[in-house]
């Protein structure tokens, strides 16, 4: 019984110090739908220029 009083007292002190919690944000308010650009990902792929971004440790070390 004494433990319940201390937790209630602690809750009252905490509420007096910090007040109440802010309102909960809905999931719909946290997300946003955006239309994708025409052409998608494939429009930016360049197979002839892709070698520029290839990384290999053996090639870097000259092995």
C-alpha atoms as a PDB file:
ATOM      1  CA  UNK A   1       0.000   0.000   0.000  1.00  0.00           C
ATOM      2  CA  UNK A   2       2.835   2.381   0.864  1.00  0.00           C
ATOM      3  CA  UNK A   3       4.464   1.692  -2.499  1.00  0.00           C
ATOM      4  CA  UNK A   4       1.276   2.799  -4.317  1.00  0.00           C
ATOM      5  CA  UNK A   5       1.308   6.089  -2.457  1.00  0.00           C
ATOM      6  CA  UNK A   6       4.891   6.776  -3.437  1.00  0.00           C
ATOM      7  CA  UNK A   7       4.227   6.022  -7.108  1.00  0.00           C
ATOM      8  CA  UNK A   8       1.129   8.253  -7.045  1.00  0.00           C
ATOM      9  CA  UNK A   9       3.111  10.989  -5.339  1.00  0.00           C
ATOM     10  CA  UNK A  10       5.925  10.605  -7.853  1.00  0.00           C
ATOM     11  CA  UNK A  11       3.419  10.796 -10.687  1.00  0.00           C
ATOM     12  CA  UNK A  12       1.917  13.962  -9.192  1.00  0.00           C
ATOM     13  CA  UNK A  13       5.354  15.553  -8.857  1.00  0.00           C
ATOM     14  CA  UNK A  14       6.262  14.524 -12.411  1.00  0.00           C
ATOM     15  CA  UNK A  15       2.984  15.944 -13.743  1.00  0.00           C
ATOM     16  CA  UNK A  16       3.510  19.202 -11.851  1.00  0.00           C
ATOM     17  CA  UNK A  17       7.040  19.542 -13.219  1.00  0.00           C
ATOM     18  CA  UNK A  18       6.528  18.530 -16.847  1.00  0.00           C
ATOM     19  CA  UNK A  19       2.796  18.958 -17.400  1.00  0.00           C
ATOM     20  CA  UNK A  20       0.952  16.713 -19.806  1.00  0.00           C
ATOM     21  CA  UNK A  21       2.327  14.981 -22.854  1.00  0.00           C
ATOM     22  CA  UNK A  22       1.812  16.547 -26.287  1.00  0.00           C
ATOM     23  CA  UNK A  23      -0.957  15.164 -28.474  1.00  0.00           C
ATOM     24  CA  UNK A  24      -0.121  12.017 -30.391  1.00  0.00           C
ATOM     25  CA  UNK A  25       0.753  12.543 -34.071  1.00  0.00           C
ATOM     26  CA  UNK A  26      -1.251  10.350 -36.422  1.00  0.00           C
ATOM     27  CA  UNK A  27       0.638   8.125 -38.883  1.00  0.00           C
ATOM     28  CA  UNK A  28      -1.142   9.799 -41.806  1.00  0.00           C
ATOM     29  CA  UNK A  29       0.316  13.144 -40.723  1.00  0.00           C
ATOM     30  CA  UNK A  30       3.868  11.732 -40.638  1.00  0.00           C
ATOM     31  CA  UNK A  31       3.877  10.353 -44.183  1.00  0.00           C
ATOM     32  CA  UNK A  32       3.502  11.977 -47.564  1.00  0.00           C
ATOM     33  CA  UNK A  33       2.823  10.463 -50.962  1.00  0.00           C
ATOM     34  CA  UNK A  34       4.844  11.858 -53.853  1.00  0.00           C
ATOM     35  CA  UNK A  35       4.507  10.941 -57.511  1.00  0.00           C
ATOM     36  CA  UNK A  36       7.594   9.365 -59.053  1.00  0.00           C
ATOM     37  CA  UNK A  37       9.328  11.187 -61.884  1.00  0.00           C
ATOM     38  CA  UNK A  38       8.621   9.985 -65.412  1.00  0.00           C
ATOM     39  CA  UNK A  39      11.080   7.363 -66.575  1.00  0.00           C
ATOM     40  CA  UNK A  40      11.817   6.011 -63.113  1.00  0.00           C
ATOM     41  CA  UNK A  41      15.182   4.612 -62.109  1.00  0.00           C
ATOM     42  CA  UNK A  42      15.989   3.061 -65.485  1.00  0.00           C
ATOM     43  CA  UNK A  43      16.182   6.470 -67.163  1.00  0.00           C
ATOM     44  CA  UNK A  44      19.315   7.375 -65.163  1.00  0.00           C
ATOM     45  CA  UNK A  45      21.183   4.082 -65.729  1.00  0.00           C
ATOM     46  CA  UNK A  46      24.143   4.352 -68.085  1.00  0.00           C
ATOM     47  CA  UNK A  47      25.747   0.923 -68.689  1.00  0.00           C
ATOM     48  CA  UNK A  48      28.772   2.391 -70.499  1.00  0.00           C
ATOM     49  CA  UNK A  49      29.521   4.825 -67.695  1.00  0.00           C
ATOM     50  CA  UNK A  50      28.914   2.388 -64.855  1.00  0.00           C
ATOM     51  CA  UNK A  51      32.573   1.273 -64.818  1.00  0.00           C
ATOM     52  CA  UNK A  52      33.476   4.652 -63.285  1.00  0.00           C
ATOM     53  CA  UNK A  53      31.816   3.664 -60.029  1.00  0.00           C
ATOM     54  CA  UNK A  54      33.222   0.131 -59.799  1.00  0.00           C
ATOM     55  CA  UNK A  55      35.375  -0.442 -56.746  1.00  0.00           C
ATOM     56  CA  UNK A  56      37.608  -3.445 -56.236  1.00  0.00           C
ATOM     57  CA  UNK A  57      40.301  -3.696 -53.576  1.00  0.00           C
ATOM     58  CA  UNK A  58      42.502  -5.945 -55.763  1.00  0.00           C
ATOM     59  CA  UNK A  59      42.440  -3.382 -58.573  1.00  0.00           C
ATOM     60  CA  UNK A  60      43.109  -0.531 -56.142  1.00  0.00           C
ATOM     61  CA  UNK A  61      46.181  -2.348 -54.825  1.00  0.00           C
ATOM     62  CA  UNK A  62      47.382  -3.167 -58.350  1.00  0.00           C
ATOM     63  CA  UNK A  63      47.170  -6.930 -57.899  1.00  0.00           C
END
